[in-house]
Amino acid sequence: MLGTLIREVMARTKPKKYWRKSTIIDFIKGCRNDLGIPLFQRVKSSGYNTTIIAECWGGNNTFPNVQIFEDVKPEDMGLNWTELVEKYGSEKDKEELLKKPIRVKIKGNIFEINHGESI
């Protein structure tokens, strides 16, 4: 419940970007270059205007970890970051972004996970 409240406040106060190929890929690139995992969560929908909060989870925490997107296409709702890269990314984006490792910090320990591995 607290997470929902925080997301609602952020959705109302953080500068928003429109859901466009370039803004989506720019967010994913920034997060992946930081070795994070881009997460996309639907916040609200009113008519045709759907708002999503994109969060960069994990990584080195050098990339701004939250971005609000408006006017999300209905067909993009529920897609994860890899599906968005497949849909909107160039061949170079697909090659670079999908193969970068992911860095997470769990209880003070830093783990770096390569594509296809698990911890």
C-alpha atoms as a PDB file:
ATOM      1  CA  MET A   1       0.000   0.000   0.000  1.00  0.00           C
ATOM      2  CA  LEU A   2       2.820   2.432   0.830  1.00  0.00           C
ATOM      3  CA  GLY A   3       4.519   1.594  -2.489  1.00  0.00           C
ATOM      4  CA  THR A   4       1.307   2.474  -4.331  1.00  0.00           C
ATOM      5  CA  LEU A   5       1.054   5.796  -2.505  1.00  0.00           C
ATOM      6  CA  ILE A   6       4.682   6.663  -3.276  1.00  0.00           C
ATOM      7  CA  ARG A   7       4.180   5.819  -6.961  1.00  0.00           C
ATOM      8  CA  GLU A   8       1.065   8.005  -7.106  1.00  0.00           C
ATOM      9  CA  VAL A   9       2.922  10.964  -5.569  1.00  0.00           C
ATOM     10  CA  MET A  10       5.837  10.501  -7.961  1.00  0.00           C
ATOM     11  CA  ALA A  11       3.470  10.291 -10.915  1.00  0.00           C
ATOM     12  CA  ARG A  12       2.015  13.668  -9.980  1.00  0.00           C
ATOM     13  CA  THR A  13       5.250  15.507  -9.163  1.00  0.00           C
ATOM     14  CA  LYS A  14       8.064  14.140 -11.374  1.00  0.00           C
ATOM     15  CA  PRO A  15       8.543  15.650 -14.866  1.00  0.00           C
ATOM     16  CA  LYS A  16       6.952  13.398 -17.452  1.00  0.00           C
ATOM     17  CA  LYS A  17       8.053  12.234 -20.874  1.00  0.00           C
ATOM     18  CA  TYR A  18       5.903  10.990 -23.706  1.00  0.00           C
ATOM     19  CA  TRP A  19       6.035   7.309 -24.609  1.00  0.00           C
ATOM     20  CA  ARG A  20       8.071   7.433 -27.813  1.00  0.00           C
ATOM     21  CA  LYS A  21      10.578   5.036 -29.333  1.00  0.00           C
ATOM     22  CA  SER A  22      13.495   7.367 -28.559  1.00  0.00           C
ATOM     23  CA  THR A  23      12.488   8.110 -24.947  1.00  0.00           C
ATOM     24  CA  ILE A  24      11.863   4.432 -24.181  1.00  0.00           C
ATOM     25  CA  ILE A  25      15.181   3.289 -25.638  1.00  0.00           C
ATOM     26  CA  ASP A  26      17.054   6.196 -24.000  1.00  0.00           C
ATOM     27  CA  PHE A  27      15.735   5.158 -20.571  1.00  0.00           C
ATOM     28  CA  ILE A  28      16.547   1.485 -21.147  1.00  0.00           C
ATOM     29  CA  LYS A  29      20.054   2.353 -22.438  1.00  0.00           C
ATOM     30  CA  GLY A  30      20.789   4.549 -19.427  1.00  0.00           C
ATOM     31  CA  CYS A  31      19.631   1.901 -16.987  1.00  0.00           C
ATOM     32  CA  ARG A  32      21.430  -0.973 -18.743  1.00  0.00           C
ATOM     33  CA  ASN A  33      24.638   1.072 -19.074  1.00  0.00           C
ATOM     34  CA  ASP A  34      24.416   1.398 -15.264  1.00  0.00           C
ATOM     35  CA  LEU A  35      23.992  -2.437 -15.193  1.00  0.00           C
ATOM     36  CA  GLY A  36      20.450  -2.099 -13.824  1.00  0.00           C
ATOM     37  CA  ILE A  37      17.172  -3.739 -14.798  1.00  0.00           C
ATOM     38  CA  PRO A  38      14.491  -1.452 -16.286  1.00  0.00           C
ATOM     39  CA  LEU A  39      11.057  -2.125 -14.777  1.00  0.00           C
ATOM     40  CA  PHE A  40       7.813  -0.672 -16.125  1.00  0.00           C
ATOM     41  CA  GLN A  41       4.711  -0.419 -13.937  1.00  0.00           C
ATOM     42  CA  ARG A  42       1.335   0.934 -14.927  1.00  0.00           C
ATOM     43  CA  VAL A  43       0.156   3.681 -12.589  1.00  0.00           C
ATOM     44  CA  LYS A  44      -3.126   4.893 -13.986  1.00  0.00           C
ATOM     45  CA  SER A  45      -5.317   4.873 -17.027  1.00  0.00           C
ATOM     46  CA  SER A  46      -7.911   7.467 -17.881  1.00  0.00           C
ATOM     47  CA  GLY A  47      -9.464   7.012 -21.280  1.00  0.00           C
ATOM     48  CA  TYR A  48      -6.598   6.860 -23.756  1.00  0.00           C
ATOM     49  CA  ASN A  49      -3.986   8.409 -21.433  1.00  0.00           C
ATOM     50  CA  THR A  50      -2.061   5.719 -19.602  1.00  0.00           C
ATOM     51  CA  THR A  51       0.847   6.570 -17.307  1.00  0.00           C
ATOM     52  CA  ILE A  52       3.743   4.230 -16.546  1.00  0.00           C
ATOM     53  CA  ILE A  53       6.537   4.582 -14.034  1.00  0.00           C
ATOM     54  CA  ALA A  54       9.841   3.230 -15.294  1.00  0.00           C
ATOM     55  CA  GLU A  55      12.305   2.302 -12.566  1.00  0.00           C
ATOM     56  CA  CYS A  56      15.954   1.309 -12.875  1.00  0.00           C
ATOM     57  CA  TRP A  57      16.451  -1.421 -10.289  1.00  0.00           C
ATOM     58  CA  GLY A  58      19.910  -2.515  -9.169  1.00  0.00           C
ATOM     59  CA  GLY A  59      22.966  -1.364 -11.051  1.00  0.00           C
ATOM     60  CA  ASN A  60      25.526   1.158  -9.825  1.00  0.00           C
ATOM     61  CA  ASN A  61      22.926   3.807  -8.909  1.00  0.00           C
ATOM     62  CA  THR A  62      24.541   6.414 -11.185  1.00  0.00           C
ATOM     63  CA  PHE A  63      21.502   6.634 -13.480  1.00  0.00           C
ATOM     64  CA  PRO A  64      18.345   8.506 -12.344  1.00  0.00           C
ATOM     65  CA  ASN A  65      16.258   5.583 -11.199  1.00  0.00           C
ATOM     66  CA  VAL A  66      12.730   6.777 -12.039  1.00  0.00           C
ATOM     67  CA  GLN A  67      11.035   8.208 -15.129  1.00  0.00           C
ATOM     68  CA  ILE A  68       7.332   8.844 -15.695  1.00  0.00           C
ATOM     69  CA  PHE A  69       5.939   8.137 -19.171  1.00  0.00           C
ATOM     70  CA  GLU A  70       2.552   9.323 -20.459  1.00  0.00           C
ATOM     71  CA  ASP A  71       0.450   8.335 -23.453  1.00  0.00           C
ATOM     72  CA  VAL A  72       1.604   4.724 -23.386  1.00  0.00           C
ATOM     73  CA  LYS A  73       0.368   2.671 -26.314  1.00  0.00           C
ATOM     74  CA  PRO A  74      -2.146   0.023 -25.224  1.00  0.00           C
ATOM     75  CA  GLU A  75      -0.222  -2.677 -27.103  1.00  0.00           C
ATOM     76  CA  ASP A  76       2.900  -1.840 -25.052  1.00  0.00           C
ATOM     77  CA  MET A  77       1.190  -2.336 -21.699  1.00  0.00           C
ATOM     78  CA  GLY A  78       2.677  -5.289 -19.869  1.00  0.00           C
ATOM     79  CA  LEU A  79       5.792  -5.578 -22.038  1.00  0.00           C
ATOM     80  CA  ASN A  80       9.049  -5.993 -20.153  1.00  0.00           C
ATOM     81  CA  TRP A  81      12.274  -4.205 -21.060  1.00  0.00           C
ATOM     82  CA  THR A  82      13.612  -7.004 -23.268  1.00  0.00           C
ATOM     83  CA  GLU A  83      10.383  -7.046 -25.274  1.00  0.00           C
ATOM     84  CA  LEU A  84      10.548  -3.242 -25.622  1.00  0.00           C
ATOM     85  CA  VAL A  85      14.140  -3.470 -26.884  1.00  0.00           C
ATOM     86  CA  GLU A  86      13.073  -6.138 -29.379  1.00  0.00           C
ATOM     87  CA  LYS A  87      10.184  -3.939 -30.533  1.00  0.00           C
ATOM     88  CA  TYR A  88      11.826  -0.483 -30.606  1.00  0.00           C
ATOM     89  CA  GLY A  89      15.590  -1.029 -30.539  1.00  0.00           C
ATOM     90  CA  SER A  90      17.971  -1.093 -33.459  1.00  0.00           C
ATOM     91  CA  GLU A  91      20.022  -4.203 -34.161  1.00  0.00           C
ATOM     92  CA  LYS A  92      22.939  -2.534 -32.336  1.00  0.00           C
ATOM     93  CA  ASP A  93      20.684  -1.828 -29.315  1.00  0.00           C
ATOM     94  CA  LYS A  94      19.563  -5.446 -29.217  1.00  0.00           C
ATOM     95  CA  GLU A  95      23.140  -6.713 -29.397  1.00  0.00           C
ATOM     96  CA  GLU A  96      24.453  -4.366 -26.683  1.00  0.00           C
ATOM     97  CA  LEU A  97      21.563  -4.051 -24.230  1.00  0.00           C
ATOM     98  CA  LEU A  98      20.420  -7.648 -24.033  1.00  0.00           C
ATOM     99  CA  LYS A  99      23.917  -9.015 -23.346  1.00  0.00           C
ATOM    100  CA  LYS A 100      25.081  -6.606 -20.636  1.00  0.00           C
ATOM    101  CA  PRO A 101      25.411  -8.111 -17.157  1.00  0.00           C
ATOM    102  CA  ILE A 102      23.119  -7.082 -14.319  1.00  0.00           C
ATOM    103  CA  ARG A 103      24.544  -5.831 -11.018  1.00  0.00           C
ATOM    104  CA  VAL A 104      22.552  -6.183  -7.805  1.00  0.00           C
ATOM    105  CA  LYS A 105      23.370  -5.551  -4.163  1.00  0.00           C
ATOM    106  CA  ILE A 106      21.829  -8.002  -1.715  1.00  0.00           C
ATOM    107  CA  LYS A 107      22.518  -7.607   2.008  1.00  0.00           C
ATOM    108  CA  GLY A 108      25.703  -5.670   1.307  1.00  0.00           C
ATOM    109  CA  ASN A 109      27.039  -8.171  -1.237  1.00  0.00           C
ATOM    110  CA  ILE A 110      27.355  -7.150  -4.885  1.00  0.00           C
ATOM    111  CA  PHE A 111      26.525  -9.750  -7.510  1.00  0.00           C
ATOM    112  CA  GLU A 112      27.091  -9.396 -11.229  1.00  0.00           C
ATOM    113  CA  ILE A 113      24.997 -11.731 -13.330  1.00  0.00           C
ATOM    114  CA  ASN A 114      25.800 -12.328 -16.979  1.00  0.00           C
ATOM    115  CA  HIS A 115      23.149 -12.901 -19.631  1.00  0.00           C
ATOM    116  CA  GLY A 116      21.622 -16.366 -19.206  1.00  0.00           C
ATOM    117  CA  GLU A 117      23.045 -16.965 -15.704  1.00  0.00           C
ATOM    118  CA  SER A 118      21.224 -17.093 -12.376  1.00  0.00           C
ATOM    119  CA  ILE A 119      22.292 -16.634  -8.765  1.00  0.00           C
END
